[in-house]
PDB file of all heavy atoms in Angstrom:
ATOM      1  N   VAL A   1     104.694 110.776  81.328  1.00  0.00           N
ATOM      2  CA  VAL A   1     105.283 109.827  82.251  1.00  0.00           C
ATOM      3  C   VAL A   1     104.444 108.557  82.185  1.00  0.00           C
ATOM      4  O   VAL A   1     103.221 108.614  82.341  1.00  0.00           O
ATOM      5  CB  VAL A   1     105.282 110.380  83.699  1.00  0.00           C
ATOM      6  CG1 VAL A   1     105.824 109.361  84.675  1.00  0.00           C
ATOM      7  CG2 VAL A   1     106.066 111.682  83.782  1.00  0.00           C
ATOM      8  N   SER A   2     105.080 107.421  81.954  1.00  0.00           N
ATOM      9  CA  SER A   2     104.361 106.149  81.903  1.00  0.00           C
ATOM     10  C   SER A   2     104.261 105.560  83.300  1.00  0.00           C
ATOM     11  O   SER A   2     105.266 105.404  83.990  1.00  0.00           O
ATOM     12  CB  SER A   2     105.084 105.160  80.990  1.00  0.00           C
ATOM     13  OG  SER A   2     105.077 105.636  79.667  1.00  0.00           O
ATOM     14  N   VAL A   3     103.032 105.248  83.720  1.00  0.00           N
ATOM     15  CA  VAL A   3     102.778 104.625  85.013  1.00  0.00           C
ATOM     16  C   VAL A   3     101.798 103.474  84.804  1.00  0.00           C
ATOM     17  O   VAL A   3     101.223 103.326  83.727  1.00  0.00           O
ATOM     18  CB  VAL A   3     102.214 105.629  86.053  1.00  0.00           C
ATOM     19  CG1 VAL A   3     103.177 106.786  86.277  1.00  0.00           C
ATOM     20  CG2 VAL A   3     100.852 106.152  85.638  1.00  0.00           C
ATOM     21  N   THR A   4     101.604 102.686  85.843  1.00  0.00           N
ATOM     22  CA  THR A   4     100.624 101.611  85.814  1.00  0.00           C
ATOM     23  C   THR A   4      99.566 101.928  86.854  1.00  0.00           C
ATOM     24  O   THR A   4      99.886 102.208  88.003  1.00  0.00           O
ATOM     25  CB  THR A   4     101.291 100.251  86.130  1.00  0.00           C
ATOM     26  OG1 THR A   4     102.327 100.022  85.189  1.00  0.00           O
ATOM     27  CG2 THR A   4     100.288  99.120  86.057  1.00  0.00           C
ATOM     28  N   LEU A   5      98.302 101.893  86.445  1.00  0.00           N
ATOM     29  CA  LEU A   5      97.183 102.158  87.339  1.00  0.00           C
ATOM     30  C   LEU A   5      96.286 100.932  87.360  1.00  0.00           C
ATOM     31  O   LEU A   5      95.729 100.560  86.331  1.00  0.00           O
ATOM     32  CB  LEU A   5      96.403 103.390  86.881  1.00  0.00           C
ATOM     33  CG  LEU A   5      95.122 103.700  87.649  1.00  0.00           C
ATOM     34  CD1 LEU A   5      95.425 103.982  89.125  1.00  0.00           C
ATOM     35  CD2 LEU A   5      94.404 104.883  87.033  1.00  0.00           C
ATOM     36  N   ASN A   6      96.200 100.313  88.526  1.00  0.00           N
ATOM     37  CA  ASN A   6      95.400  99.090  88.678  1.00  0.00           C
ATOM     38  C   ASN A   6      95.737  98.061  87.600  1.00  0.00           C
ATOM     39  O   ASN A   6      94.861  97.435  87.017  1.00  0.00           O
ATOM     40  CB  ASN A   6      93.910  99.412  88.675  1.00  0.00           C
ATOM     41  CG  ASN A   6      93.506 100.232  89.879  1.00  0.00           C
ATOM     42  OD1 ASN A   6      94.070 100.100  90.962  1.00  0.00           O
ATOM     43  ND2 ASN A   6      92.528 101.097  89.700  1.00  0.00           N
ATOM     44  N   GLY A   7      97.035  97.928  87.322  1.00  0.00           N
ATOM     45  CA  GLY A   7      97.524  96.930  86.378  1.00  0.00           C
ATOM     46  C   GLY A   7      97.481  97.337  84.918  1.00  0.00           C
ATOM     47  O   GLY A   7      97.920  96.580  84.057  1.00  0.00           O
ATOM     48  N   GLN A   8      96.991  98.552  84.623  1.00  0.00           N
ATOM     49  CA  GLN A   8      96.884  99.014  83.237  1.00  0.00           C
ATOM     50  C   GLN A   8      97.873 100.162  82.989  1.00  0.00           C
ATOM     51  O   GLN A   8      97.949 101.094  83.795  1.00  0.00           O
ATOM     52  CB  GLN A   8      95.466  99.512  82.947  1.00  0.00           C
ATOM     53  CG  GLN A   8      94.404  98.445  83.134  1.00  0.00           C
ATOM     54  CD  GLN A   8      94.592  97.290  82.166  1.00  0.00           C
ATOM     55  OE1 GLN A   8      94.847  97.477  80.985  1.00  0.00           O
ATOM     56  NE2 GLN A   8      94.485  96.069  82.691  1.00  0.00           N
ATOM     57  N   PRO A   9      98.602 100.129  81.885  1.00  0.00           N
ATOM     58  CA  PRO A   9      99.509 101.244  81.586  1.00  0.00           C
ATOM     59  C   PRO A   9      98.724 102.503  81.225  1.00  0.00           C
ATOM     60  O   PRO A   9      97.736 102.428  80.488  1.00  0.00           O
ATOM     61  CB  PRO A   9     100.320 100.735  80.397  1.00  0.00           C
ATOM     62  CG  PRO A   9      99.493  99.659  79.787  1.00  0.00           C
ATOM     63  CD  PRO A   9      98.639  99.082  80.874  1.00  0.00           C
ATOM     64  N   VAL A  10      99.139 103.635  81.775  1.00  0.00           N
ATOM     65  CA  VAL A  10      98.528 104.924  81.453  1.00  0.00           C
ATOM     66  C   VAL A  10      99.634 105.965  81.342  1.00  0.00           C
ATOM     67  O   VAL A  10     100.728 105.789  81.862  1.00  0.00           O
ATOM     68  CB  VAL A  10      97.475 105.379  82.498  1.00  0.00           C
ATOM     69  CG1 VAL A  10      96.289 104.435  82.531  1.00  0.00           C
ATOM     70  CG2 VAL A  10      98.092 105.499  83.865  1.00  0.00           C
ATOM     71  N   GLU A  11      99.321 107.043  80.660  1.00  0.00           N
ATOM     72  CA  GLU A  11     100.251 108.167  80.534  1.00  0.00           C
ATOM     73  C   GLU A  11      99.794 109.300  81.442  1.00  0.00           C
ATOM     74  O   GLU A  11      98.618 109.664  81.450  1.00  0.00           O
ATOM     75  CB  GLU A  11     100.314 108.659  79.091  1.00  0.00           C
ATOM     76  CG  GLU A  11     101.081 107.753  78.157  1.00  0.00           C
ATOM     77  CD  GLU A  11     102.566 107.671  78.492  1.00  0.00           C
ATOM     78  OE1 GLU A  11     103.198 108.727  78.726  1.00  0.00           O
ATOM     79  OE2 GLU A  11     103.096 106.551  78.514  1.00  0.00           O
ATOM     80  N   ALA A  12     100.718 109.841  82.185  1.00  0.00           N
ATOM     81  CA  ALA A  12     100.464 110.994  83.045  1.00  0.00           C
ATOM     82  C   ALA A  12     101.346 112.137  82.565  1.00  0.00           C
ATOM     83  O   ALA A  12     102.241 111.946  81.737  1.00  0.00           O
ATOM     84  CB  ALA A  12     100.792 110.643  84.498  1.00  0.00           C
ATOM     85  N   GLN A  13     101.091 113.308  83.090  1.00  0.00           N
ATOM     86  CA  GLN A  13     101.921 114.464  82.773  1.00  0.00           C
ATOM     87  C   GLN A  13     102.989 114.637  83.849  1.00  0.00           C
ATOM     88  O   GLN A  13     102.708 114.478  85.037  1.00  0.00           O
ATOM     89  CB  GLN A  13     101.067 115.733  82.699  1.00  0.00           C
ATOM     90  CG  GLN A  13     100.078 115.728  81.563  1.00  0.00           C
ATOM     91  CD  GLN A  13     100.762 115.670  80.211  1.00  0.00           C
ATOM     92  OE1 GLN A  13     101.731 116.362  79.960  1.00  0.00           O
ATOM     93  NE2 GLN A  13     100.247 114.828  79.341  1.00  0.00           N
ATOM     94  N   GLU A  14     104.185 114.975  83.436  1.00  0.00           N
ATOM     95  CA  GLU A  14     105.256 115.240  84.386  1.00  0.00           C
ATOM     96  C   GLU A  14     104.816 116.347  85.352  1.00  0.00           C
ATOM     97  O   GLU A  14     104.246 117.353  84.938  1.00  0.00           O
ATOM     98  CB  GLU A  14     106.515 115.687  83.634  1.00  0.00           C
ATOM     99  CG  GLU A  14     107.716 115.885  84.507  1.00  0.00           C
ATOM    100  CD  GLU A  14     108.948 116.268  83.706  1.00  0.00           C
ATOM    101  OE1 GLU A  14     108.927 116.170  82.460  1.00  0.00           O
ATOM    102  OE2 GLU A  14     109.922 116.680  84.334  1.00  0.00           O
ATOM    103  N   GLY A  15     105.003 116.134  86.645  1.00  0.00           N
ATOM    104  CA  GLY A  15     104.610 117.111  87.656  1.00  0.00           C
ATOM    105  C   GLY A  15     103.184 116.939  88.156  1.00  0.00           C
ATOM    106  O   GLY A  15     102.774 117.577  89.118  1.00  0.00           O
ATOM    107  N   GLN A  16     102.419 116.064  87.524  1.00  0.00           N
ATOM    108  CA  GLN A  16     101.034 115.819  87.918  1.00  0.00           C
ATOM    109  C   GLN A  16     101.005 114.972  89.185  1.00  0.00           C
ATOM    110  O   GLN A  16     101.830 114.080  89.368  1.00  0.00           O
ATOM    111  CB  GLN A  16     100.323 115.090  86.778  1.00  0.00           C
ATOM    112  CG  GLN A  16      98.852 114.886  86.949  1.00  0.00           C
ATOM    113  CD  GLN A  16      98.232 114.244  85.704  1.00  0.00           C
ATOM    114  OE1 GLN A  16      98.847 113.409  85.042  1.00  0.00           O
ATOM    115  NE2 GLN A  16      97.026 114.651  85.379  1.00  0.00           N
ATOM    116  N   THR A  17     100.050 115.252  90.060  1.00  0.00           N
ATOM    117  CA  THR A  17      99.899 114.403  91.232  1.00  0.00           C
ATOM    118  C   THR A  17      99.135 113.138  90.846  1.00  0.00           C
ATOM    119  O   THR A  17      98.451 113.097  89.823  1.00  0.00           O
ATOM    120  CB  THR A  17      99.132 115.112  92.364  1.00  0.00           C
ATOM    121  OG1 THR A  17      97.805 115.398  91.923  1.00  0.00           O
ATOM    122  CG2 THR A  17      99.849 116.381  92.819  1.00  0.00           C
ATOM    123  N   VAL A  18      99.242 112.143  91.695  1.00  0.00           N
ATOM    124  CA  VAL A  18      98.482 110.918  91.474  1.00  0.00           C
ATOM    125  C   VAL A  18      96.986 111.239  91.475  1.00  0.00           C
ATOM    126  O   VAL A  18      96.232 110.737  90.650  1.00  0.00           O
ATOM    127  CB  VAL A  18      98.837 109.858  92.535  1.00  0.00           C
ATOM    128  CG1 VAL A  18      97.925 108.648  92.430  1.00  0.00           C
ATOM    129  CG2 VAL A  18     100.305 109.439  92.405  1.00  0.00           C
ATOM    130  N   ALA A  19      96.551 112.090  92.386  1.00  0.00           N
ATOM    131  CA  ALA A  19      95.132 112.493  92.430  1.00  0.00           C
ATOM    132  C   ALA A  19      94.724 113.179  91.135  1.00  0.00           C
ATOM    133  O   ALA A  19      93.635 112.930  90.606  1.00  0.00           O
ATOM    134  CB  ALA A  19      94.868 113.412  93.617  1.00  0.00           C
ATOM    135  N   GLY A  20      95.564 114.041  90.613  1.00  0.00           N
ATOM    136  CA  GLY A  20      95.272 114.711  89.339  1.00  0.00           C
ATOM    137  C   GLY A  20      95.137 113.724  88.210  1.00  0.00           C
ATOM    138  O   GLY A  20      94.250 113.846  87.361  1.00  0.00           O
ATOM    139  N   LEU A  21      96.003 112.724  88.191  1.00  0.00           N
ATOM    140  CA  LEU A  21      95.912 111.675  87.181  1.00  0.00           C
ATOM    141  C   LEU A  21      94.598 110.922  87.319  1.00  0.00           C
ATOM    142  O   LEU A  21      93.885 110.723  86.338  1.00  0.00           O
ATOM    143  CB  LEU A  21      97.091 110.707  87.314  1.00  0.00           C
ATOM    144  CG  LEU A  21      97.000 109.438  86.468  1.00  0.00           C
ATOM    145  CD1 LEU A  21      97.000 109.770  84.982  1.00  0.00           C
ATOM    146  CD2 LEU A  21      98.120 108.488  86.835  1.00  0.00           C
ATOM    147  N   LEU A  22      94.265 110.520  88.542  1.00  0.00           N
ATOM    148  CA  LEU A  22      93.031 109.768  88.767  1.00  0.00           C
ATOM    149  C   LEU A  22      91.809 110.575  88.332  1.00  0.00           C
ATOM    150  O   LEU A  22      90.915 110.045  87.656  1.00  0.00           O
ATOM    151  CB  LEU A  22      92.920 109.367  90.234  1.00  0.00           C
ATOM    152  CG  LEU A  22      93.958 108.352  90.712  1.00  0.00           C
ATOM    153  CD1 LEU A  22      93.907 108.216  92.227  1.00  0.00           C
ATOM    154  CD2 LEU A  22      93.761 107.017  90.047  1.00  0.00           C
ATOM    155  N   LEU A  23      91.775 111.834  88.704  1.00  0.00           N
ATOM    156  CA  LEU A  23      90.639 112.669  88.319  1.00  0.00           C
ATOM    157  C   LEU A  23      90.555 112.839  86.804  1.00  0.00           C
ATOM    158  O   LEU A  23      89.467 112.834  86.232  1.00  0.00           O
ATOM    159  CB  LEU A  23      90.708 114.025  89.007  1.00  0.00           C
ATOM    160  CG  LEU A  23      90.366 114.021  90.497  1.00  0.00           C
ATOM    161  CD1 LEU A  23      90.640 115.386  91.110  1.00  0.00           C
ATOM    162  CD2 LEU A  23      88.922 113.615  90.712  1.00  0.00           C
ATOM    163  N   SER A  24      91.714 112.999  86.154  1.00  0.00           N
ATOM    164  CA  SER A  24      91.710 113.172  84.697  1.00  0.00           C
ATOM    165  C   SER A  24      91.198 111.929  83.980  1.00  0.00           C
ATOM    166  O   SER A  24      90.713 112.013  82.865  1.00  0.00           O
ATOM    167  CB  SER A  24      93.110 113.542  84.191  1.00  0.00           C
ATOM    168  OG  SER A  24      93.980 112.414  84.222  1.00  0.00           O
ATOM    169  N   LEU A  25      91.295 110.775  84.648  1.00  0.00           N
ATOM    170  CA  LEU A  25      90.819 109.515  84.071  1.00  0.00           C
ATOM    171  C   LEU A  25      89.416 109.156  84.542  1.00  0.00           C
ATOM    172  O   LEU A  25      88.910 108.082  84.231  1.00  0.00           O
ATOM    173  CB  LEU A  25      91.793 108.388  84.435  1.00  0.00           C
ATOM    174  CG  LEU A  25      93.201 108.521  83.870  1.00  0.00           C
ATOM    175  CD1 LEU A  25      94.114 107.452  84.451  1.00  0.00           C
ATOM    176  CD2 LEU A  25      93.182 108.454  82.355  1.00  0.00           C
ATOM    177  N   GLY A  26      88.802 110.051  85.325  1.00  0.00           N
ATOM    178  CA  GLY A  26      87.452 109.802  85.822  1.00  0.00           C
ATOM    179  C   GLY A  26      87.405 108.833  86.988  1.00  0.00           C
ATOM    180  O   GLY A  26      86.348 108.331  87.344  1.00  0.00           O
ATOM    181  N   GLN A  27      88.551 108.553  87.592  1.00  0.00           N
ATOM    182  CA  GLN A  27      88.636 107.626  88.727  1.00  0.00           C
ATOM    183  C   GLN A  27      88.390 108.416  90.004  1.00  0.00           C
ATOM    184  O   GLN A  27      89.212 109.220  90.414  1.00  0.00           O
ATOM    185  CB  GLN A  27      90.030 106.989  88.762  1.00  0.00           C
ATOM    186  CG  GLN A  27      90.240 106.018  89.872  1.00  0.00           C
ATOM    187  CD  GLN A  27      89.707 104.646  89.547  1.00  0.00           C
ATOM    188  OE1 GLN A  27      89.579 104.278  88.394  1.00  0.00           O
ATOM    189  NE2 GLN A  27      89.392 103.894  90.557  1.00  0.00           N
ATOM    190  N   ASN A  28      87.258 108.203  90.656  1.00  0.00           N
ATOM    191  CA  ASN A  28      86.881 109.004  91.816  1.00  0.00           C
ATOM    192  C   ASN A  28      86.765 108.189  93.096  1.00  0.00           C
ATOM    193  O   ASN A  28      86.898 108.718  94.180  1.00  0.00           O
ATOM    194  CB  ASN A  28      85.556 109.719  91.533  1.00  0.00           C
ATOM    195  CG  ASN A  28      85.338 110.900  92.432  1.00  0.00           C
ATOM    196  OD1 ASN A  28      86.216 111.303  93.166  1.00  0.00           O
ATOM    197  ND2 ASN A  28      84.154 111.459  92.382  1.00  0.00           N
ATOM    198  N   ASN A  29      86.529 106.881  92.997  1.00  0.00           N
ATOM    199  CA  ASN A  29      86.417 106.035  94.178  1.00  0.00           C
ATOM    200  C   ASN A  29      87.774 105.426  94.483  1.00  0.00           C
ATOM    201  O   ASN A  29      88.302 104.668  93.692  1.00  0.00           O
ATOM    202  CB  ASN A  29      85.392 104.921  93.951  1.00  0.00           C
ATOM    203  CG  ASN A  29      84.019 105.478  93.702  1.00  0.00           C
ATOM    204  OD1 ASN A  29      83.672 106.545  94.207  1.00  0.00           O
ATOM    205  ND2 ASN A  29      83.231 104.786  92.919  1.00  0.00           N
ATOM    206  N   LEU A  30      88.316 105.776  95.648  1.00  0.00           N
ATOM    207  CA  LEU A  30      89.692 105.381  95.928  1.00  0.00           C
ATOM    208  C   LEU A  30      89.845 104.305  96.980  1.00  0.00           C
ATOM    209  O   LEU A  30      90.771 103.524  96.934  1.00  0.00           O
ATOM    210  CB  LEU A  30      90.495 106.606  96.373  1.00  0.00           C
ATOM    211  CG  LEU A  30      90.603 107.703  95.329  1.00  0.00           C
ATOM    212  CD1 LEU A  30      91.437 108.836  95.864  1.00  0.00           C
ATOM    213  CD2 LEU A  30      91.208 107.163  94.059  1.00  0.00           C
ATOM    214  N   PHE A  31      89.011 104.267  97.984  1.00  0.00           N
ATOM    215  CA  PHE A  31      89.242 103.363  99.099  1.00  0.00           C
ATOM    216  C   PHE A  31      87.914 102.946  99.689  1.00  0.00           C
ATOM    217  O   PHE A  31      87.069 103.776  99.974  1.00  0.00           O
ATOM    218  CB  PHE A  31      90.089 104.069 100.165  1.00  0.00           C
ATOM    219  CG  PHE A  31      90.445 103.201 101.339  1.00  0.00           C
ATOM    220  CD1 PHE A  31      91.592 102.436 101.320  1.00  0.00           C
ATOM    221  CD2 PHE A  31      89.642 103.167 102.460  1.00  0.00           C
ATOM    222  CE1 PHE A  31      91.915 101.645 102.399  1.00  0.00           C
ATOM    223  CE2 PHE A  31      89.965 102.379 103.546  1.00  0.00           C
ATOM    224  CZ  PHE A  31      91.114 101.617 103.519  1.00  0.00           C
ATOM    225  N   HIS A  32      87.732 101.654  99.885  1.00  0.00           N
ATOM    226  CA  HIS A  32      86.495 101.145 100.475  1.00  0.00           C
ATOM    227  C   HIS A  32      86.743 100.875 101.953  1.00  0.00           C
ATOM    228  O   HIS A  32      87.539 100.012 102.305  1.00  0.00           O
ATOM    229  CB  HIS A  32      86.057  99.868  99.767  1.00  0.00           C
ATOM    230  CG  HIS A  32      84.765  99.330 100.269  1.00  0.00           C
ATOM    231  ND1 HIS A  32      84.695  98.317 101.179  1.00  0.00           N
ATOM    232  CD2 HIS A  32      83.486  99.696 100.011  1.00  0.00           C
ATOM    233  CE1 HIS A  32      83.440  98.056 101.447  1.00  0.00           C
ATOM    234  NE2 HIS A  32      82.688  98.881 100.750  1.00  0.00           N
ATOM    235  N   ALA A  33      86.079 101.634 102.818  1.00  0.00           N
ATOM    236  CA  ALA A  33      86.172 101.434 104.261  1.00  0.00           C
ATOM    237  C   ALA A  33      85.098 100.423 104.648  1.00  0.00           C
ATOM    238  O   ALA A  33      83.953 100.775 104.916  1.00  0.00           O
ATOM    239  CB  ALA A  33      85.983 102.757 104.997  1.00  0.00           C
ATOM    240  N   SER A  34      85.457  99.144 104.643  1.00  0.00           N
ATOM    241  CA  SER A  34      84.467  98.078 104.795  1.00  0.00           C
ATOM    242  C   SER A  34      83.757  98.111 106.138  1.00  0.00           C
ATOM    243  O   SER A  34      82.590  97.735 106.231  1.00  0.00           O
ATOM    244  CB  SER A  34      85.117  96.713 104.582  1.00  0.00           C
ATOM    245  OG  SER A  34      86.159  96.515 105.511  1.00  0.00           O
ATOM    246  N   GLU A  35      84.436  98.572 107.186  1.00  0.00           N
ATOM    247  CA  GLU A  35      83.788  98.583 108.496  1.00  0.00           C
ATOM    248  C   GLU A  35      82.607  99.547 108.545  1.00  0.00           C
ATOM    249  O   GLU A  35      81.727  99.423 109.383  1.00  0.00           O
ATOM    250  CB  GLU A  35      84.797  98.918 109.615  1.00  0.00           C
ATOM    251  CG  GLU A  35      85.403 100.309 109.555  1.00  0.00           C
ATOM    252  CD  GLU A  35      86.629 100.422 108.666  1.00  0.00           C
ATOM    253  OE1 GLU A  35      86.859  99.541 107.815  1.00  0.00           O
ATOM    254  OE2 GLU A  35      87.368 101.396 108.815  1.00  0.00           O
ATOM    255  N   TYR A  36      82.571 100.516 107.652  1.00  0.00           N
ATOM    256  CA  TYR A  36      81.469 101.472 107.589  1.00  0.00           C
ATOM    257  C   TYR A  36      80.671 101.356 106.288  1.00  0.00           C
ATOM    258  O   TYR A  36      79.726 102.094 106.066  1.00  0.00           O
ATOM    259  CB  TYR A  36      81.983 102.907 107.737  1.00  0.00           C
ATOM    260  CG  TYR A  36      82.753 103.137 109.000  1.00  0.00           C
ATOM    261  CD1 TYR A  36      84.124 103.356 108.965  1.00  0.00           C
ATOM    262  CD2 TYR A  36      82.121 103.116 110.239  1.00  0.00           C
ATOM    263  CE1 TYR A  36      84.842 103.558 110.126  1.00  0.00           C
ATOM    264  CE2 TYR A  36      82.828 103.315 111.407  1.00  0.00           C
ATOM    265  CZ  TYR A  36      84.185 103.532 111.340  1.00  0.00           C
ATOM    266  OH  TYR A  36      84.897 103.720 112.493  1.00  0.00           O
ATOM    267  N   ASN A  37      81.098 100.441 105.397  1.00  0.00           N
ATOM    268  CA  ASN A  37      80.496 100.270 104.089  1.00  0.00           C
ATOM    269  C   ASN A  37      80.452 101.587 103.307  1.00  0.00           C
ATOM    270  O   ASN A  37      79.438 101.950 102.719  1.00  0.00           O
ATOM    271  CB  ASN A  37      79.099  99.647 104.184  1.00  0.00           C
ATOM    272  CG  ASN A  37      78.671  99.063 102.848  1.00  0.00           C
ATOM    273  OD1 ASN A  37      79.513  98.649 102.058  1.00  0.00           O
ATOM    274  ND2 ASN A  37      77.389  99.046 102.588  1.00  0.00           N
ATOM    275  N   LEU A  38      81.566 102.309 103.326  1.00  0.00           N
ATOM    276  CA  LEU A  38      81.682 103.592 102.636  1.00  0.00           C
ATOM    277  C   LEU A  38      82.795 103.532 101.603  1.00  0.00           C
ATOM    278  O   LEU A  38      83.790 102.843 101.801  1.00  0.00           O
ATOM    279  CB  LEU A  38      82.010 104.713 103.626  1.00  0.00           C
ATOM    280  CG  LEU A  38      80.992 105.001 104.720  1.00  0.00           C
ATOM    281  CD1 LEU A  38      81.572 106.013 105.706  1.00  0.00           C
ATOM    282  CD2 LEU A  38      79.715 105.537 104.105  1.00  0.00           C
ATOM    283  N   VAL A  39      82.630 104.254 100.520  1.00  0.00           N
ATOM    284  CA  VAL A  39      83.704 104.430  99.553  1.00  0.00           C
ATOM    285  C   VAL A  39      84.225 105.849  99.710  1.00  0.00           C
ATOM    286  O   VAL A  39      83.461 106.805  99.678  1.00  0.00           O
ATOM    287  CB  VAL A  39      83.211 104.192  98.115  1.00  0.00           C
ATOM    288  CG1 VAL A  39      84.327 104.462  97.124  1.00  0.00           C
ATOM    289  CG2 VAL A  39      82.713 102.767  97.959  1.00  0.00           C
ATOM    290  N   ARG A  40      85.529 105.966  99.935  1.00  0.00           N
ATOM    291  CA  ARG A  40      86.113 107.284 100.132  1.00  0.00           C
ATOM    292  C   ARG A  40      86.624 107.849  98.817  1.00  0.00           C
ATOM    293  O   ARG A  40      87.022 107.125  97.929  1.00  0.00           O
ATOM    294  CB  ARG A  40      87.265 107.211 101.138  1.00  0.00           C
ATOM    295  CG  ARG A  40      86.793 106.789 102.496  1.00  0.00           C
ATOM    296  CD  ARG A  40      87.811 107.010 103.549  1.00  0.00           C
ATOM    297  NE  ARG A  40      89.040 106.268 103.321  1.00  0.00           N
ATOM    298  CZ  ARG A  40      89.919 106.036 104.283  1.00  0.00           C
ATOM    299  NH1 ARG A  40      89.698 106.464 105.503  1.00  0.00           N
ATOM    300  NH2 ARG A  40      91.018 105.383 104.029  1.00  0.00           N
ATOM    301  N   SER A  41      86.642 109.159  98.743  1.00  0.00           N
ATOM    302  CA  SER A  41      87.118 109.850  97.566  1.00  0.00           C
ATOM    303  C   SER A  41      87.965 111.036  98.022  1.00  0.00           C
ATOM    304  O   SER A  41      88.371 111.097  99.168  1.00  0.00           O
ATOM    305  CB  SER A  41      85.922 110.318  96.728  1.00  0.00           C
ATOM    306  OG  SER A  41      86.379 110.874  95.528  1.00  0.00           O
TER     307      SER A  41
END
């Protein structure tokens, strides 16, 4: 399945979750909570 991740084209597997795709690409930092200066995963 062709998707775009942060503006870059990537291939995912049909039935894969977005989290599964991110983990397979080594993408672990998902959201910066600026009020606490934390990066969530």
